[in-house]
N, C-alpha and C. Protein backbone atom coordinates (compact mmCIF):
# COMPACT_ATOMS: atom_id res chain seq x y z
N MET A 1 -85.02 -13.05 7.58
CA MET A 1 -84.09 -11.97 7.33
C MET A 1 -83.54 -11.50 8.67
N ALA A 2 -82.22 -11.39 8.76
CA ALA A 2 -81.56 -10.93 9.98
C ALA A 2 -81.61 -9.42 10.06
N MET A 3 -81.89 -8.93 11.24
CA MET A 3 -81.92 -7.49 11.46
C MET A 3 -80.52 -7.03 11.88
N PRO A 4 -80.09 -5.90 11.37
CA PRO A 4 -78.77 -5.41 11.78
C PRO A 4 -78.79 -4.99 13.25
N LEU A 5 -77.68 -5.19 13.90
CA LEU A 5 -77.53 -4.81 15.29
C LEU A 5 -77.51 -3.30 15.39
N THR A 6 -78.34 -2.75 16.24
CA THR A 6 -78.39 -1.31 16.44
C THR A 6 -77.75 -0.99 17.78
N ARG A 7 -76.84 -0.06 17.78
CA ARG A 7 -76.19 0.37 19.02
C ARG A 7 -76.67 1.76 19.38
N HIS A 8 -76.83 1.98 20.65
CA HIS A 8 -77.20 3.31 21.13
C HIS A 8 -75.99 3.93 21.80
N ARG A 9 -75.62 5.08 21.37
CA ARG A 9 -74.54 5.82 22.02
C ARG A 9 -75.19 6.85 22.93
N PHE A 10 -74.79 6.82 24.18
CA PHE A 10 -75.36 7.72 25.18
C PHE A 10 -74.76 9.12 25.06
N THR A 11 -75.58 10.10 25.37
CA THR A 11 -75.07 11.47 25.49
C THR A 11 -74.58 11.66 26.91
N VAL A 12 -73.83 12.72 27.12
CA VAL A 12 -73.36 13.04 28.47
C VAL A 12 -74.55 13.27 29.39
N ASP A 13 -75.60 13.92 28.90
CA ASP A 13 -76.78 14.17 29.73
C ASP A 13 -77.46 12.85 30.13
N GLU A 14 -77.57 11.91 29.19
CA GLU A 14 -78.16 10.59 29.51
C GLU A 14 -77.29 9.85 30.53
N TYR A 15 -76.00 9.95 30.34
CA TYR A 15 -75.04 9.33 31.26
C TYR A 15 -75.23 9.87 32.68
N HIS A 16 -75.39 11.17 32.81
CA HIS A 16 -75.61 11.78 34.13
C HIS A 16 -76.96 11.34 34.72
N ARG A 17 -77.98 11.25 33.87
CA ARG A 17 -79.29 10.80 34.36
C ARG A 17 -79.21 9.36 34.87
N MET A 18 -78.40 8.52 34.21
CA MET A 18 -78.22 7.14 34.69
C MET A 18 -77.58 7.14 36.07
N GLY A 19 -76.63 8.03 36.28
CA GLY A 19 -76.02 8.15 37.59
C GLY A 19 -77.01 8.62 38.63
N GLU A 20 -77.83 9.61 38.28
CA GLU A 20 -78.85 10.13 39.20
C GLU A 20 -79.88 9.06 39.53
N ALA A 21 -80.16 8.16 38.57
CA ALA A 21 -81.14 7.09 38.79
C ALA A 21 -80.57 5.93 39.59
N GLY A 22 -79.27 5.98 39.90
CA GLY A 22 -78.67 4.93 40.70
C GLY A 22 -78.08 3.77 39.91
N ILE A 23 -78.05 3.90 38.59
CA ILE A 23 -77.45 2.84 37.78
C ILE A 23 -75.95 2.77 38.05
N PHE A 24 -75.34 3.94 38.20
CA PHE A 24 -73.93 4.01 38.58
C PHE A 24 -73.87 4.54 40.00
N HIS A 25 -72.86 4.14 40.70
CA HIS A 25 -72.65 4.64 42.04
C HIS A 25 -71.39 5.49 42.05
N GLU A 26 -71.27 6.32 43.04
CA GLU A 26 -70.15 7.25 43.12
C GLU A 26 -68.80 6.53 43.07
N ASP A 27 -68.73 5.33 43.61
CA ASP A 27 -67.48 4.59 43.65
C ASP A 27 -67.21 3.79 42.37
N ASP A 28 -68.17 3.71 41.46
CA ASP A 28 -67.95 2.99 40.20
C ASP A 28 -66.90 3.74 39.38
N ARG A 29 -65.99 3.01 38.82
CA ARG A 29 -64.92 3.60 38.01
C ARG A 29 -65.29 3.48 36.54
N VAL A 30 -66.12 4.41 36.08
CA VAL A 30 -66.57 4.42 34.70
C VAL A 30 -66.41 5.83 34.12
N GLU A 31 -66.35 5.88 32.80
CA GLU A 31 -66.31 7.15 32.09
C GLU A 31 -67.05 6.96 30.77
N LEU A 32 -67.46 8.06 30.15
CA LEU A 32 -68.18 8.00 28.89
C LEU A 32 -67.22 8.35 27.75
N ILE A 33 -66.99 7.37 26.87
CA ILE A 33 -66.09 7.54 25.73
C ILE A 33 -66.85 7.18 24.46
N ASP A 34 -66.99 8.15 23.57
CA ASP A 34 -67.69 7.94 22.31
C ASP A 34 -69.09 7.36 22.53
N GLY A 35 -69.76 7.86 23.55
CA GLY A 35 -71.13 7.45 23.82
C GLY A 35 -71.26 6.10 24.50
N GLN A 36 -70.15 5.47 24.84
CA GLN A 36 -70.18 4.17 25.49
C GLN A 36 -69.63 4.29 26.91
N VAL A 37 -70.28 3.60 27.82
CA VAL A 37 -69.81 3.59 29.20
C VAL A 37 -68.64 2.62 29.28
N ALA A 38 -67.49 3.14 29.65
CA ALA A 38 -66.27 2.33 29.71
C ALA A 38 -65.84 2.17 31.16
N GLU A 39 -65.59 0.93 31.55
CA GLU A 39 -65.08 0.67 32.89
C GLU A 39 -63.58 0.91 32.90
N MET A 40 -63.12 1.62 33.91
CA MET A 40 -61.70 1.93 34.00
C MET A 40 -60.99 0.86 34.82
N THR A 41 -59.72 0.67 34.53
CA THR A 41 -58.94 -0.34 35.24
C THR A 41 -58.70 0.10 36.68
N PRO A 42 -58.52 -0.86 37.59
CA PRO A 42 -58.23 -0.51 38.98
C PRO A 42 -56.90 0.25 39.09
N ILE A 43 -56.79 1.04 40.12
CA ILE A 43 -55.59 1.84 40.35
C ILE A 43 -54.70 1.12 41.34
N GLY A 44 -53.48 0.80 40.91
CA GLY A 44 -52.50 0.17 41.77
C GLY A 44 -51.71 1.21 42.55
N PRO A 45 -50.92 0.76 43.53
CA PRO A 45 -50.18 1.71 44.38
C PRO A 45 -49.19 2.59 43.60
N GLU A 46 -48.46 2.02 42.63
CA GLU A 46 -47.48 2.82 41.88
C GLU A 46 -48.20 3.91 41.07
N HIS A 47 -49.31 3.54 40.46
CA HIS A 47 -50.13 4.49 39.69
C HIS A 47 -50.62 5.60 40.61
N ALA A 48 -51.18 5.22 41.74
CA ALA A 48 -51.73 6.21 42.69
C ALA A 48 -50.64 7.15 43.19
N ALA A 49 -49.48 6.62 43.51
CA ALA A 49 -48.39 7.45 44.01
C ALA A 49 -47.91 8.43 42.95
N CYS A 50 -47.84 7.98 41.70
CA CYS A 50 -47.44 8.86 40.61
C CYS A 50 -48.44 10.00 40.44
N VAL A 51 -49.73 9.70 40.47
CA VAL A 51 -50.76 10.73 40.36
C VAL A 51 -50.66 11.71 41.53
N ASP A 52 -50.49 11.17 42.74
CA ASP A 52 -50.35 12.04 43.93
C ASP A 52 -49.17 12.99 43.78
N ASP A 53 -48.02 12.44 43.37
CA ASP A 53 -46.82 13.26 43.22
C ASP A 53 -47.02 14.34 42.16
N LEU A 54 -47.53 13.96 40.99
CA LEU A 54 -47.77 14.93 39.93
C LEU A 54 -48.74 16.02 40.39
N ALA A 55 -49.79 15.64 41.07
CA ALA A 55 -50.76 16.62 41.56
C ALA A 55 -50.10 17.60 42.52
N ARG A 56 -49.29 17.09 43.42
CA ARG A 56 -48.62 17.97 44.39
C ARG A 56 -47.67 18.93 43.68
N TRP A 57 -46.82 18.40 42.78
CA TRP A 57 -45.84 19.25 42.11
C TRP A 57 -46.51 20.28 41.22
N LEU A 58 -47.51 19.87 40.46
CA LEU A 58 -48.18 20.80 39.56
C LEU A 58 -48.95 21.87 40.33
N THR A 59 -49.60 21.47 41.41
CA THR A 59 -50.35 22.44 42.23
C THR A 59 -49.40 23.47 42.83
N GLN A 60 -48.26 23.01 43.32
CA GLN A 60 -47.28 23.94 43.92
C GLN A 60 -46.74 24.93 42.90
N ARG A 61 -46.61 24.51 41.65
CA ARG A 61 -45.95 25.33 40.64
C ARG A 61 -46.91 26.05 39.69
N ALA A 62 -48.15 25.65 39.66
CA ALA A 62 -49.07 26.16 38.64
C ALA A 62 -49.55 27.58 38.89
N GLY A 63 -49.72 27.97 40.13
CA GLY A 63 -50.21 29.32 40.42
C GLY A 63 -51.71 29.37 40.54
N ALA A 64 -52.19 30.53 40.95
CA ALA A 64 -53.61 30.70 41.25
C ALA A 64 -54.50 30.72 40.02
N SER A 65 -53.95 30.92 38.84
CA SER A 65 -54.78 31.01 37.65
C SER A 65 -55.11 29.63 37.06
N LEU A 66 -54.57 28.57 37.68
CA LEU A 66 -54.79 27.21 37.19
C LEU A 66 -55.29 26.30 38.30
N ILE A 67 -56.02 25.26 37.91
CA ILE A 67 -56.51 24.25 38.85
C ILE A 67 -56.03 22.90 38.36
N VAL A 68 -55.50 22.10 39.28
CA VAL A 68 -55.10 20.73 38.95
C VAL A 68 -56.24 19.83 39.43
N ARG A 69 -56.89 19.17 38.48
CA ARG A 69 -58.00 18.27 38.79
C ARG A 69 -57.50 16.83 38.75
N ILE A 70 -57.88 16.06 39.74
CA ILE A 70 -57.42 14.68 39.86
C ILE A 70 -58.60 13.74 39.64
N GLN A 71 -58.52 12.95 38.56
CA GLN A 71 -59.51 11.93 38.23
C GLN A 71 -60.93 12.47 38.29
N ASN A 72 -61.11 13.67 37.73
CA ASN A 72 -62.41 14.31 37.62
C ASN A 72 -62.79 14.45 36.15
N PRO A 73 -64.09 14.52 35.87
CA PRO A 73 -64.56 14.55 34.48
C PRO A 73 -64.20 15.82 33.73
N LEU A 74 -64.03 15.63 32.43
CA LEU A 74 -63.94 16.73 31.46
C LEU A 74 -65.06 16.49 30.45
N ARG A 75 -65.83 17.51 30.16
CA ARG A 75 -66.89 17.36 29.17
C ARG A 75 -66.35 17.80 27.81
N LEU A 76 -66.05 16.83 26.96
CA LEU A 76 -65.38 17.12 25.70
C LEU A 76 -66.31 17.10 24.50
N GLY A 77 -67.56 16.92 24.69
CA GLY A 77 -68.52 16.89 23.60
C GLY A 77 -69.81 16.30 24.10
N THR A 78 -70.74 16.06 23.20
CA THR A 78 -72.04 15.54 23.62
C THR A 78 -71.98 14.07 24.03
N GLN A 79 -70.93 13.34 23.62
CA GLN A 79 -70.85 11.91 23.94
C GLN A 79 -69.53 11.52 24.62
N ASP A 80 -68.79 12.50 25.11
CA ASP A 80 -67.49 12.20 25.71
C ASP A 80 -67.31 12.93 27.03
N GLU A 81 -67.10 12.14 28.08
CA GLU A 81 -66.80 12.70 29.39
C GLU A 81 -65.77 11.80 30.08
N PRO A 82 -64.51 11.89 29.62
CA PRO A 82 -63.47 11.07 30.24
C PRO A 82 -63.09 11.62 31.61
N GLU A 83 -62.42 10.77 32.38
CA GLU A 83 -61.90 11.16 33.68
C GLU A 83 -60.40 10.88 33.70
N PRO A 84 -59.61 11.81 33.14
CA PRO A 84 -58.17 11.59 33.11
C PRO A 84 -57.58 11.59 34.52
N ASP A 85 -56.39 11.02 34.64
CA ASP A 85 -55.75 11.01 35.95
C ASP A 85 -55.52 12.42 36.45
N LEU A 86 -55.04 13.30 35.59
CA LEU A 86 -54.87 14.71 35.96
C LEU A 86 -55.25 15.58 34.78
N ALA A 87 -55.79 16.73 35.09
CA ALA A 87 -56.04 17.74 34.08
C ALA A 87 -55.72 19.09 34.69
N VAL A 88 -54.96 19.89 33.98
CA VAL A 88 -54.69 21.26 34.42
C VAL A 88 -55.61 22.15 33.61
N VAL A 89 -56.47 22.88 34.33
CA VAL A 89 -57.48 23.71 33.68
C VAL A 89 -57.36 25.15 34.16
N ARG A 90 -57.91 26.04 33.36
CA ARG A 90 -57.94 27.45 33.74
C ARG A 90 -58.90 27.62 34.92
N ALA A 91 -58.48 28.43 35.87
CA ALA A 91 -59.39 28.78 36.97
C ALA A 91 -60.43 29.75 36.43
N ARG A 92 -61.66 29.58 36.90
CA ARG A 92 -62.73 30.49 36.53
C ARG A 92 -63.25 31.15 37.81
N PRO A 93 -63.65 32.42 37.74
CA PRO A 93 -64.14 33.08 38.96
C PRO A 93 -65.29 32.32 39.61
N GLU A 94 -66.18 31.73 38.80
CA GLU A 94 -67.32 31.00 39.34
C GLU A 94 -66.99 29.54 39.64
N GLY A 95 -65.77 29.12 39.29
CA GLY A 95 -65.37 27.74 39.53
C GLY A 95 -66.06 26.78 38.58
N TYR A 96 -66.07 25.52 38.96
CA TYR A 96 -66.67 24.46 38.13
C TYR A 96 -67.79 23.75 38.90
N ARG A 97 -68.53 24.49 39.68
CA ARG A 97 -69.62 23.90 40.47
C ARG A 97 -70.86 23.60 39.62
N THR A 98 -71.02 24.30 38.51
CA THR A 98 -72.22 24.09 37.70
C THR A 98 -71.96 23.31 36.42
N ALA A 99 -70.71 23.16 36.04
CA ALA A 99 -70.38 22.42 34.82
C ALA A 99 -68.92 21.98 34.88
N HIS A 100 -68.66 20.80 34.32
CA HIS A 100 -67.29 20.32 34.23
C HIS A 100 -66.53 21.15 33.19
N PRO A 101 -65.21 21.21 33.30
CA PRO A 101 -64.44 21.94 32.29
C PRO A 101 -64.65 21.35 30.90
N GLY A 102 -64.63 22.23 29.92
CA GLY A 102 -64.73 21.82 28.53
C GLY A 102 -63.39 21.97 27.83
N PRO A 103 -63.32 21.66 26.55
CA PRO A 103 -62.05 21.71 25.82
C PRO A 103 -61.31 23.04 25.93
N ASP A 104 -62.04 24.15 25.91
CA ASP A 104 -61.38 25.46 25.97
C ASP A 104 -60.77 25.75 27.33
N ASP A 105 -61.18 25.01 28.36
CA ASP A 105 -60.66 25.22 29.70
C ASP A 105 -59.38 24.43 29.98
N VAL A 106 -59.15 23.38 29.19
CA VAL A 106 -58.10 22.41 29.50
C VAL A 106 -56.79 22.79 28.82
N LEU A 107 -55.72 22.85 29.62
CA LEU A 107 -54.39 23.17 29.10
C LEU A 107 -53.51 21.93 28.98
N LEU A 108 -53.69 20.98 29.87
CA LEU A 108 -52.85 19.78 29.89
C LEU A 108 -53.63 18.63 30.49
N VAL A 109 -53.54 17.47 29.85
CA VAL A 109 -54.10 16.24 30.39
C VAL A 109 -52.95 15.27 30.60
N ILE A 110 -52.98 14.57 31.74
CA ILE A 110 -51.97 13.55 32.01
C ILE A 110 -52.67 12.25 32.32
N GLU A 111 -52.33 11.22 31.57
CA GLU A 111 -52.81 9.87 31.83
C GLU A 111 -51.63 9.06 32.35
N VAL A 112 -51.81 8.39 33.46
CA VAL A 112 -50.78 7.52 34.03
C VAL A 112 -51.21 6.09 33.75
N ALA A 113 -50.31 5.31 33.18
CA ALA A 113 -50.66 3.95 32.78
C ALA A 113 -49.69 2.95 33.39
N ASP A 114 -50.26 1.98 34.11
CA ASP A 114 -49.45 0.82 34.47
C ASP A 114 -49.94 -0.40 33.70
N THR A 115 -51.23 -0.43 33.35
CA THR A 115 -51.75 -1.52 32.52
C THR A 115 -52.57 -1.00 31.34
N SER A 116 -52.82 0.30 31.26
CA SER A 116 -53.75 0.85 30.27
C SER A 116 -53.08 1.64 29.15
N ALA A 117 -51.79 1.53 28.96
CA ALA A 117 -51.09 2.36 27.97
C ALA A 117 -51.68 2.20 26.57
N HIS A 118 -51.96 0.97 26.16
CA HIS A 118 -52.50 0.74 24.81
C HIS A 118 -53.87 1.43 24.67
N TYR A 119 -54.75 1.26 25.64
CA TYR A 119 -56.07 1.89 25.61
C TYR A 119 -55.93 3.42 25.59
N ASP A 120 -55.08 3.94 26.46
CA ASP A 120 -54.89 5.39 26.51
C ASP A 120 -54.38 5.92 25.17
N ARG A 121 -53.44 5.22 24.57
CA ARG A 121 -52.82 5.64 23.32
C ARG A 121 -53.81 5.53 22.14
N GLN A 122 -54.58 4.44 22.10
CA GLN A 122 -55.46 4.18 20.96
C GLN A 122 -56.83 4.84 21.07
N THR A 123 -57.31 5.07 22.29
CA THR A 123 -58.67 5.57 22.47
C THR A 123 -58.71 6.98 23.07
N LYS A 124 -58.04 7.17 24.18
CA LYS A 124 -58.18 8.44 24.89
C LYS A 124 -57.38 9.57 24.25
N ILE A 125 -56.15 9.31 23.83
CA ILE A 125 -55.36 10.38 23.23
C ILE A 125 -56.02 10.90 21.94
N PRO A 126 -56.52 10.03 21.05
CA PRO A 126 -57.25 10.57 19.88
C PRO A 126 -58.49 11.39 20.28
N LEU A 127 -59.15 10.99 21.35
CA LEU A 127 -60.29 11.76 21.85
C LEU A 127 -59.85 13.16 22.28
N TYR A 128 -58.74 13.25 23.00
CA TYR A 128 -58.24 14.55 23.44
C TYR A 128 -57.80 15.40 22.24
N ALA A 129 -57.19 14.75 21.24
CA ALA A 129 -56.79 15.49 20.03
C ALA A 129 -58.01 16.04 19.31
N ARG A 130 -59.03 15.21 19.16
CA ARG A 130 -60.27 15.62 18.49
C ARG A 130 -60.91 16.81 19.21
N ALA A 131 -60.78 16.86 20.53
CA ALA A 131 -61.35 17.96 21.31
C ALA A 131 -60.47 19.21 21.29
N GLY A 132 -59.24 19.07 20.76
CA GLY A 132 -58.34 20.22 20.66
C GLY A 132 -57.55 20.50 21.93
N ILE A 133 -57.42 19.52 22.81
CA ILE A 133 -56.61 19.70 24.01
C ILE A 133 -55.16 19.92 23.55
N PRO A 134 -54.51 21.02 23.96
CA PRO A 134 -53.20 21.36 23.38
C PRO A 134 -52.06 20.41 23.73
N GLU A 135 -52.17 19.71 24.87
CA GLU A 135 -51.06 18.85 25.27
C GLU A 135 -51.55 17.70 26.14
N VAL A 136 -51.03 16.51 25.87
CA VAL A 136 -51.35 15.31 26.66
C VAL A 136 -50.04 14.59 26.95
N TRP A 137 -49.89 14.16 28.22
CA TRP A 137 -48.76 13.32 28.59
C TRP A 137 -49.29 11.94 28.92
N LEU A 138 -48.60 10.93 28.42
CA LEU A 138 -48.90 9.55 28.79
C LEU A 138 -47.69 9.03 29.57
N VAL A 139 -47.88 8.91 30.88
CA VAL A 139 -46.82 8.39 31.75
C VAL A 139 -46.95 6.87 31.72
N ASN A 140 -46.02 6.23 31.04
CA ASN A 140 -46.04 4.78 30.87
C ASN A 140 -45.10 4.18 31.92
N LEU A 141 -45.65 3.79 33.04
CA LEU A 141 -44.83 3.30 34.16
C LEU A 141 -44.01 2.06 33.80
N PRO A 142 -44.60 1.02 33.19
CA PRO A 142 -43.80 -0.16 32.88
C PRO A 142 -42.65 0.12 31.90
N ALA A 143 -42.87 1.01 30.94
CA ALA A 143 -41.83 1.32 29.95
C ALA A 143 -40.81 2.33 30.48
N GLY A 144 -41.16 3.02 31.56
CA GLY A 144 -40.26 4.03 32.08
C GLY A 144 -40.11 5.23 31.17
N THR A 145 -41.23 5.61 30.51
CA THR A 145 -41.20 6.73 29.57
C THR A 145 -42.41 7.64 29.78
N ILE A 146 -42.31 8.83 29.23
CA ILE A 146 -43.44 9.75 29.19
C ILE A 146 -43.57 10.23 27.75
N GLU A 147 -44.71 9.91 27.14
CA GLU A 147 -44.99 10.38 25.79
C GLU A 147 -45.64 11.75 25.89
N ILE A 148 -45.11 12.70 25.15
CA ILE A 148 -45.63 14.06 25.16
C ILE A 148 -46.27 14.31 23.80
N HIS A 149 -47.58 14.56 23.81
CA HIS A 149 -48.35 14.76 22.59
C HIS A 149 -48.77 16.23 22.53
N ARG A 150 -48.40 16.89 21.42
CA ARG A 150 -48.73 18.30 21.23
C ARG A 150 -49.20 18.54 19.80
N GLU A 151 -49.82 19.69 19.60
CA GLU A 151 -50.32 20.13 18.29
C GLU A 151 -51.38 19.18 17.72
N PRO A 152 -52.58 19.23 18.30
CA PRO A 152 -53.66 18.36 17.81
C PRO A 152 -54.12 18.73 16.41
N ARG A 153 -54.33 17.70 15.61
CA ARG A 153 -54.88 17.83 14.25
C ARG A 153 -55.80 16.64 14.05
N GLY A 154 -57.08 16.90 13.94
CA GLY A 154 -58.04 15.81 13.78
C GLY A 154 -58.00 14.90 14.99
N GLU A 155 -57.74 13.62 14.78
CA GLU A 155 -57.72 12.65 15.88
C GLU A 155 -56.31 12.27 16.30
N ARG A 156 -55.34 13.10 15.97
CA ARG A 156 -53.98 12.76 16.37
C ARG A 156 -53.21 14.03 16.72
N TYR A 157 -52.06 13.83 17.31
CA TYR A 157 -51.16 14.93 17.61
C TYR A 157 -50.01 14.85 16.62
N THR A 158 -49.62 16.01 16.07
CA THR A 158 -48.57 16.01 15.05
C THR A 158 -47.18 16.11 15.66
N ASP A 159 -47.07 16.50 16.91
CA ASP A 159 -45.79 16.58 17.59
C ASP A 159 -45.82 15.61 18.76
N VAL A 160 -45.12 14.49 18.61
CA VAL A 160 -45.07 13.47 19.66
C VAL A 160 -43.61 13.15 19.93
N ARG A 161 -43.25 13.24 21.19
CA ARG A 161 -41.89 12.86 21.56
C ARG A 161 -41.94 12.04 22.83
N THR A 162 -40.88 11.32 23.09
CA THR A 162 -40.81 10.47 24.27
C THR A 162 -39.69 10.97 25.17
N ALA A 163 -40.03 11.21 26.43
CA ALA A 163 -39.04 11.62 27.43
C ALA A 163 -38.68 10.40 28.27
N ARG A 164 -37.41 10.33 28.62
CA ARG A 164 -36.88 9.20 29.39
C ARG A 164 -36.17 9.72 30.64
N ARG A 165 -35.78 8.79 31.48
CA ARG A 165 -35.03 9.16 32.68
C ARG A 165 -33.85 10.05 32.31
N GLY A 166 -33.64 11.06 33.13
CA GLY A 166 -32.59 12.04 32.86
C GLY A 166 -33.10 13.27 32.14
N ASP A 167 -34.27 13.17 31.50
CA ASP A 167 -34.87 14.30 30.79
C ASP A 167 -35.71 15.15 31.74
N THR A 168 -36.05 16.34 31.28
CA THR A 168 -37.01 17.19 31.97
C THR A 168 -38.14 17.51 31.01
N ILE A 169 -39.29 17.87 31.57
CA ILE A 169 -40.47 18.20 30.77
C ILE A 169 -41.00 19.55 31.23
N THR A 170 -41.36 20.39 30.27
CA THR A 170 -41.96 21.68 30.56
C THR A 170 -43.26 21.78 29.77
N PRO A 171 -44.40 21.93 30.45
CA PRO A 171 -45.67 22.06 29.72
C PRO A 171 -45.69 23.31 28.84
N LEU A 172 -46.31 23.20 27.69
CA LEU A 172 -46.41 24.32 26.75
C LEU A 172 -47.06 25.55 27.38
N GLU A 173 -48.15 25.32 28.06
CA GLU A 173 -48.98 26.44 28.53
C GLU A 173 -48.48 27.11 29.80
N PHE A 174 -47.51 26.51 30.50
CA PHE A 174 -46.91 27.18 31.65
C PHE A 174 -45.42 26.85 31.70
N PRO A 175 -44.66 27.63 30.92
CA PRO A 175 -43.25 27.35 30.72
C PRO A 175 -42.36 27.56 31.94
N THR A 176 -42.89 28.09 33.01
CA THR A 176 -42.08 28.26 34.23
C THR A 176 -42.04 26.98 35.06
N VAL A 177 -42.81 25.98 34.67
CA VAL A 177 -42.87 24.71 35.39
C VAL A 177 -42.03 23.68 34.64
N THR A 178 -41.05 23.12 35.33
CA THR A 178 -40.23 22.06 34.75
C THR A 178 -40.21 20.89 35.72
N LEU A 179 -40.47 19.70 35.21
CA LEU A 179 -40.49 18.48 36.03
C LEU A 179 -39.44 17.52 35.52
N ARG A 180 -38.80 16.84 36.42
CA ARG A 180 -37.81 15.82 36.04
C ARG A 180 -38.53 14.49 35.83
N VAL A 181 -38.23 13.83 34.73
CA VAL A 181 -38.84 12.54 34.41
C VAL A 181 -38.55 11.53 35.51
N ASP A 182 -37.35 11.55 36.07
CA ASP A 182 -37.00 10.62 37.15
C ASP A 182 -37.94 10.77 38.35
N GLU A 183 -38.30 12.00 38.68
CA GLU A 183 -39.23 12.21 39.79
C GLU A 183 -40.61 11.66 39.46
N ILE A 184 -41.07 11.90 38.25
CA ILE A 184 -42.40 11.45 37.85
C ILE A 184 -42.48 9.93 37.86
N LEU A 185 -41.46 9.28 37.32
CA LEU A 185 -41.48 7.82 37.23
C LEU A 185 -41.17 7.14 38.55
N GLY A 186 -40.57 7.86 39.49
CA GLY A 186 -40.25 7.28 40.80
C GLY A 186 -38.95 6.53 40.79
């Protein structure tokens, strides 16, 4: 008789203990998605430049009540700790030295994709919707578009639109910030 395959999904705490035990190293590009350790794709120059530019523009315009985090973890549940390219989170007086931001702290997530658009769209965006993140942008460099996902319901966003060159984008949670799609795409 064949035994069914049993899978173990790691918790965020187990994932951190693996890092503390040296299983992962600081330079390893991994994140925890649905209890599974996922290796992230390498970052190319165009991707890196886009993230740098977005971080600079958002930091300049966001104000002191917000923090722009670059490729840092978000704790979205007991089995999810993704590392989006950018996350705009509420500033807290005590900061985030003792815990990563959770769903209630996150106002905007931005994923930049040069090779990972399908994965981001099929795996990460539903994860952000499930956590209740109010807005996610998917900067699709090869397509020259930015998908704007708003109004999370279950594992999807009910308001999805695509911005193209010539358009501008204004995040829901900070309407005084407007970015030109041409600048973002380079």
